Amino acid sequence: MLVMGSGNVVHNLRATDRGTPDGPAASRPWAQSFDDAVKAALAGRDDRALIGYERLAGASTAVATPDHYFPFLYALGAAGAGERAKTVYEGFQSGTLGMRCVQFG
């Protein structure tokens, strides 16, 4: 079975920095903090933290509306409890759009 989720872990269009080179979110620490918190929760497979993302550092700004975060939760839910997440790509576009891509299994 193949389940794909598409969105952005960090997504706040009102706070983008157009013209910023792709890479870390250096000009927006809240974006990098939230992405780092998601990365750490994935590494420890802390599903409760990922589901309760509102309590992660920077969440209120990083996930202004959850519609781009929810597809990640669908993929997480479809993964087996013992399946580790492999990061395929991480980085930001426009300073604040987290482009983290993960694969389970």
N, C-alpha and C. Protein backbone atom coordinates (compact mmCIF):
# COMPACT_ATOMS: atom_id res chain seq x y z
N MET A 1 0.84 -1.16 0.00
CA MET A 1 0.00 0.00 0.00
C MET A 1 0.90 1.24 0.00
N LEU A 2 0.53 2.22 -0.77
CA LEU A 2 1.24 3.49 -0.84
C LEU A 2 0.31 4.60 -0.40
N VAL A 3 0.73 5.37 0.59
CA VAL A 3 -0.02 6.53 1.06
C VAL A 3 0.90 7.73 0.93
N MET A 4 0.41 8.78 0.29
CA MET A 4 1.20 9.99 0.14
C MET A 4 0.45 11.16 0.76
N GLY A 5 1.20 12.02 1.42
CA GLY A 5 0.65 13.26 1.95
C GLY A 5 1.41 14.41 1.33
N SER A 6 0.75 15.45 0.96
CA SER A 6 1.42 16.59 0.32
C SER A 6 0.98 17.87 1.02
N GLY A 7 1.94 18.66 1.41
CA GLY A 7 1.64 19.92 2.08
C GLY A 7 2.96 20.57 2.46
N ASN A 8 2.95 21.30 3.53
CA ASN A 8 4.16 21.90 4.08
C ASN A 8 4.08 21.79 5.60
N VAL A 9 5.13 21.28 6.21
CA VAL A 9 5.15 21.19 7.67
C VAL A 9 5.10 22.59 8.26
N VAL A 10 5.84 23.52 7.68
CA VAL A 10 5.81 24.93 8.08
C VAL A 10 5.20 25.69 6.92
N HIS A 11 4.08 26.39 7.18
CA HIS A 11 3.39 27.06 6.09
C HIS A 11 2.66 28.29 6.62
N ASN A 12 3.20 29.46 6.34
CA ASN A 12 2.55 30.71 6.71
C ASN A 12 2.85 31.71 5.60
N LEU A 13 1.95 31.81 4.65
CA LEU A 13 2.17 32.67 3.48
C LEU A 13 2.28 34.14 3.84
N ARG A 14 1.64 34.55 4.91
CA ARG A 14 1.71 35.97 5.31
C ARG A 14 3.10 36.37 5.78
N ALA A 15 3.91 35.39 6.15
CA ALA A 15 5.23 35.69 6.71
C ALA A 15 6.39 35.30 5.80
N THR A 16 6.11 35.00 4.54
CA THR A 16 7.18 34.58 3.65
C THR A 16 8.14 35.73 3.36
N ASP A 17 9.37 35.36 3.06
CA ASP A 17 10.41 36.31 2.66
C ASP A 17 10.76 36.02 1.21
N ARG A 18 9.98 36.57 0.32
CA ARG A 18 10.21 36.35 -1.12
C ARG A 18 11.64 36.75 -1.49
N GLY A 19 12.26 35.96 -2.32
CA GLY A 19 13.61 36.25 -2.77
C GLY A 19 14.69 35.68 -1.87
N THR A 20 14.30 35.10 -0.73
CA THR A 20 15.27 34.47 0.16
C THR A 20 15.74 33.16 -0.48
N PRO A 21 17.05 32.91 -0.50
CA PRO A 21 17.54 31.66 -1.09
C PRO A 21 17.02 30.44 -0.31
N ASP A 22 16.84 29.33 -1.01
CA ASP A 22 16.43 28.09 -0.36
C ASP A 22 17.49 27.68 0.66
N GLY A 23 17.04 27.11 1.76
CA GLY A 23 17.95 26.67 2.81
C GLY A 23 17.29 26.80 4.16
N PRO A 24 18.08 26.97 5.22
CA PRO A 24 17.51 27.14 6.56
C PRO A 24 16.69 28.43 6.66
N ALA A 25 15.81 28.48 7.63
CA ALA A 25 14.96 29.66 7.83
C ALA A 25 15.66 30.65 8.76
N ALA A 26 16.79 31.16 8.34
CA ALA A 26 17.63 32.01 9.19
C ALA A 26 16.94 33.29 9.64
N SER A 27 16.12 33.88 8.79
CA SER A 27 15.49 35.16 9.14
C SER A 27 14.21 34.98 9.95
N ARG A 28 13.73 33.78 10.08
CA ARG A 28 12.49 33.52 10.82
C ARG A 28 12.72 32.37 11.81
N PRO A 29 13.25 32.66 13.00
CA PRO A 29 13.58 31.60 13.95
C PRO A 29 12.40 30.70 14.33
N TRP A 30 11.19 31.24 14.36
CA TRP A 30 10.02 30.42 14.70
C TRP A 30 9.81 29.30 13.69
N ALA A 31 10.11 29.58 12.42
CA ALA A 31 9.95 28.55 11.38
C ALA A 31 10.97 27.44 11.57
N GLN A 32 12.21 27.81 11.81
CA GLN A 32 13.26 26.81 12.02
C GLN A 32 13.01 26.03 13.31
N SER A 33 12.55 26.71 14.36
CA SER A 33 12.27 26.05 15.64
C SER A 33 11.18 24.99 15.48
N PHE A 34 10.12 25.32 14.76
CA PHE A 34 9.04 24.36 14.58
C PHE A 34 9.52 23.18 13.74
N ASP A 35 10.24 23.44 12.66
CA ASP A 35 10.75 22.35 11.82
C ASP A 35 11.69 21.46 12.62
N ASP A 36 12.55 22.06 13.44
CA ASP A 36 13.45 21.27 14.29
C ASP A 36 12.68 20.42 15.29
N ALA A 37 11.59 20.97 15.84
CA ALA A 37 10.78 20.21 16.80
C ALA A 37 10.10 19.02 16.11
N VAL A 38 9.61 19.24 14.90
CA VAL A 38 9.00 18.15 14.13
C VAL A 38 10.06 17.10 13.81
N LYS A 39 11.23 17.53 13.40
CA LYS A 39 12.33 16.61 13.08
C LYS A 39 12.69 15.75 14.30
N ALA A 40 12.80 16.38 15.48
CA ALA A 40 13.13 15.64 16.70
C ALA A 40 12.02 14.66 17.07
N ALA A 41 10.76 15.08 16.94
CA ALA A 41 9.65 14.19 17.25
C ALA A 41 9.61 13.00 16.29
N LEU A 42 9.92 13.26 15.03
CA LEU A 42 9.99 12.16 14.05
C LEU A 42 11.10 11.19 14.40
N ALA A 43 12.25 11.71 14.77
CA ALA A 43 13.40 10.85 15.09
C ALA A 43 13.09 9.93 16.27
N GLY A 44 12.32 10.42 17.23
CA GLY A 44 11.94 9.62 18.38
C GLY A 44 10.60 8.93 18.21
N ARG A 45 10.01 9.13 17.04
CA ARG A 45 8.67 8.61 16.71
C ARG A 45 7.68 8.95 17.82
N ASP A 46 7.72 10.23 18.21
CA ASP A 46 6.82 10.77 19.22
C ASP A 46 5.55 11.26 18.53
N ASP A 47 4.70 10.31 18.18
CA ASP A 47 3.47 10.62 17.45
C ASP A 47 2.56 11.56 18.22
N ARG A 48 2.52 11.44 19.53
CA ARG A 48 1.67 12.33 20.34
C ARG A 48 2.08 13.79 20.16
N ALA A 49 3.38 14.05 20.13
CA ALA A 49 3.86 15.43 19.94
C ALA A 49 3.50 15.93 18.55
N LEU A 50 3.60 15.06 17.55
CA LEU A 50 3.29 15.47 16.18
C LEU A 50 1.79 15.72 15.99
N ILE A 51 0.98 14.92 16.64
CA ILE A 51 -0.47 15.11 16.56
C ILE A 51 -0.87 16.37 17.34
N GLY A 52 -0.26 16.58 18.49
CA GLY A 52 -0.52 17.77 19.30
C GLY A 52 0.46 18.88 18.95
N TYR A 53 0.67 19.09 17.67
CA TYR A 53 1.68 20.02 17.16
C TYR A 53 1.54 21.44 17.70
N GLU A 54 0.34 21.79 18.15
CA GLU A 54 0.11 23.16 18.65
C GLU A 54 1.01 23.50 19.82
N ARG A 55 1.52 22.48 20.52
CA ARG A 55 2.38 22.70 21.68
C ARG A 55 3.86 22.73 21.32
N LEU A 56 4.22 22.49 20.07
CA LEU A 56 5.63 22.53 19.66
C LEU A 56 6.09 23.98 19.49
N ALA A 57 7.38 24.19 19.66
CA ALA A 57 7.96 25.54 19.55
C ALA A 57 7.62 26.18 18.21
N GLY A 58 7.10 27.40 18.26
CA GLY A 58 6.81 28.16 17.05
C GLY A 58 5.54 27.79 16.33
N ALA A 59 4.76 26.86 16.86
CA ALA A 59 3.60 26.31 16.14
C ALA A 59 2.56 27.36 15.77
N SER A 60 2.27 28.29 16.64
CA SER A 60 1.19 29.23 16.37
C SER A 60 1.45 30.07 15.12
N THR A 61 2.70 30.32 14.82
CA THR A 61 3.04 31.08 13.61
C THR A 61 3.36 30.14 12.46
N ALA A 62 4.03 29.03 12.75
CA ALA A 62 4.46 28.09 11.70
C ALA A 62 3.29 27.40 11.03
N VAL A 63 2.23 27.16 11.77
CA VAL A 63 1.04 26.50 11.23
C VAL A 63 -0.12 27.47 11.44
N ALA A 64 -0.12 28.51 10.63
CA ALA A 64 -1.16 29.54 10.75
C ALA A 64 -2.55 28.94 10.53
N THR A 65 -2.66 28.03 9.58
CA THR A 65 -3.87 27.24 9.35
C THR A 65 -3.38 25.81 9.12
N PRO A 66 -4.06 24.81 9.67
CA PRO A 66 -3.54 23.44 9.64
C PRO A 66 -3.71 22.68 8.32
N ASP A 67 -4.34 23.27 7.33
CA ASP A 67 -4.65 22.53 6.10
C ASP A 67 -3.40 22.01 5.39
N HIS A 68 -2.26 22.64 5.57
CA HIS A 68 -1.03 22.15 4.94
C HIS A 68 -0.26 21.20 5.84
N TYR A 69 -0.60 21.13 7.11
CA TYR A 69 0.05 20.22 8.06
C TYR A 69 -0.69 18.88 8.12
N PHE A 70 -2.00 18.90 7.99
CA PHE A 70 -2.79 17.68 8.14
C PHE A 70 -2.39 16.53 7.21
N PRO A 71 -2.01 16.77 5.94
CA PRO A 71 -1.60 15.63 5.11
C PRO A 71 -0.43 14.85 5.70
N PHE A 72 0.45 15.54 6.42
CA PHE A 72 1.55 14.87 7.10
C PHE A 72 1.01 13.89 8.15
N LEU A 73 -0.04 14.30 8.85
CA LEU A 73 -0.62 13.42 9.87
C LEU A 73 -1.28 12.19 9.25
N TYR A 74 -1.86 12.32 8.07
CA TYR A 74 -2.43 11.15 7.38
C TYR A 74 -1.34 10.13 7.08
N ALA A 75 -0.22 10.60 6.57
CA ALA A 75 0.89 9.70 6.26
C ALA A 75 1.44 9.08 7.54
N LEU A 76 1.57 9.88 8.58
CA LEU A 76 2.04 9.38 9.88
C LEU A 76 1.11 8.29 10.40
N GLY A 77 -0.19 8.51 10.30
CA GLY A 77 -1.16 7.54 10.78
C GLY A 77 -1.15 6.25 9.98
N ALA A 78 -0.81 6.32 8.71
CA ALA A 78 -0.77 5.13 7.87
C ALA A 78 0.49 4.30 8.10
N ALA A 79 1.53 4.94 8.64
CA ALA A 79 2.79 4.23 8.90
C ALA A 79 2.61 3.30 10.09
N GLY A 80 3.28 2.17 10.04
CA GLY A 80 3.26 1.26 11.18
C GLY A 80 3.96 1.88 12.37
N ALA A 81 3.55 1.48 13.58
CA ALA A 81 4.11 2.07 14.80
C ALA A 81 5.63 1.92 14.89
N GLY A 82 6.17 0.86 14.33
CA GLY A 82 7.61 0.64 14.40
C GLY A 82 8.40 1.21 13.23
N GLU A 83 7.70 1.79 12.27
CA GLU A 83 8.39 2.32 11.09
C GLU A 83 9.04 3.67 11.40
N ARG A 84 10.31 3.76 11.12
CA ARG A 84 11.05 5.00 11.34
C ARG A 84 10.87 5.91 10.13
N ALA A 85 10.91 7.19 10.39
CA ALA A 85 10.82 8.18 9.31
C ALA A 85 12.20 8.46 8.76
N LYS A 86 12.31 8.43 7.46
CA LYS A 86 13.56 8.77 6.79
C LYS A 86 13.35 10.14 6.13
N THR A 87 14.23 11.09 6.45
CA THR A 87 14.13 12.40 5.82
C THR A 87 14.71 12.32 4.42
N VAL A 88 13.90 12.64 3.44
CA VAL A 88 14.31 12.62 2.03
C VAL A 88 14.83 13.99 1.61
N TYR A 89 14.20 15.04 2.17
CA TYR A 89 14.63 16.41 1.87
C TYR A 89 14.22 17.31 3.03
N GLU A 90 15.06 18.29 3.36
CA GLU A 90 14.69 19.30 4.33
C GLU A 90 15.25 20.64 3.88
N GLY A 91 14.49 21.67 4.11
CA GLY A 91 14.91 23.02 3.73
C GLY A 91 13.69 23.91 3.64
N PHE A 92 13.92 25.17 3.33
CA PHE A 92 12.86 26.15 3.25
C PHE A 92 12.90 26.87 1.91
N GLN A 93 11.74 27.26 1.45
CA GLN A 93 11.61 28.15 0.30
C GLN A 93 10.97 29.43 0.79
N SER A 94 11.37 30.54 0.20
CA SER A 94 10.86 31.86 0.58
C SER A 94 11.00 32.13 2.08
N GLY A 95 12.01 31.54 2.67
CA GLY A 95 12.34 31.81 4.06
C GLY A 95 11.50 31.11 5.10
N THR A 96 10.26 30.73 4.77
CA THR A 96 9.37 30.18 5.80
C THR A 96 8.55 28.97 5.37
N LEU A 97 8.65 28.55 4.15
CA LEU A 97 7.87 27.39 3.71
C LEU A 97 8.71 26.14 3.89
N GLY A 98 8.40 25.37 4.94
CA GLY A 98 9.17 24.17 5.26
C GLY A 98 8.88 23.06 4.28
N MET A 99 9.89 22.62 3.58
CA MET A 99 9.71 21.63 2.52
C MET A 99 10.15 20.23 2.95
N ARG A 100 10.12 19.94 4.25
CA ARG A 100 10.54 18.64 4.77
C ARG A 100 9.75 17.52 4.10
N CYS A 101 10.47 16.54 3.57
CA CYS A 101 9.86 15.36 2.97
C CYS A 101 10.35 14.13 3.73
N VAL A 102 9.41 13.30 4.15
CA VAL A 102 9.77 12.09 4.89
C VAL A 102 9.15 10.87 4.23
N GLN A 103 9.80 9.76 4.49
CA GLN A 103 9.33 8.46 3.97
C GLN A 103 9.30 7.49 5.12
N PHE A 104 8.24 6.73 5.24
CA PHE A 104 8.14 5.68 6.24
C PHE A 104 8.29 4.34 5.55
N GLY A 105 8.93 3.42 6.25
CA GLY A 105 9.06 2.06 5.73
C GLY A 105 10.20 1.87 4.76
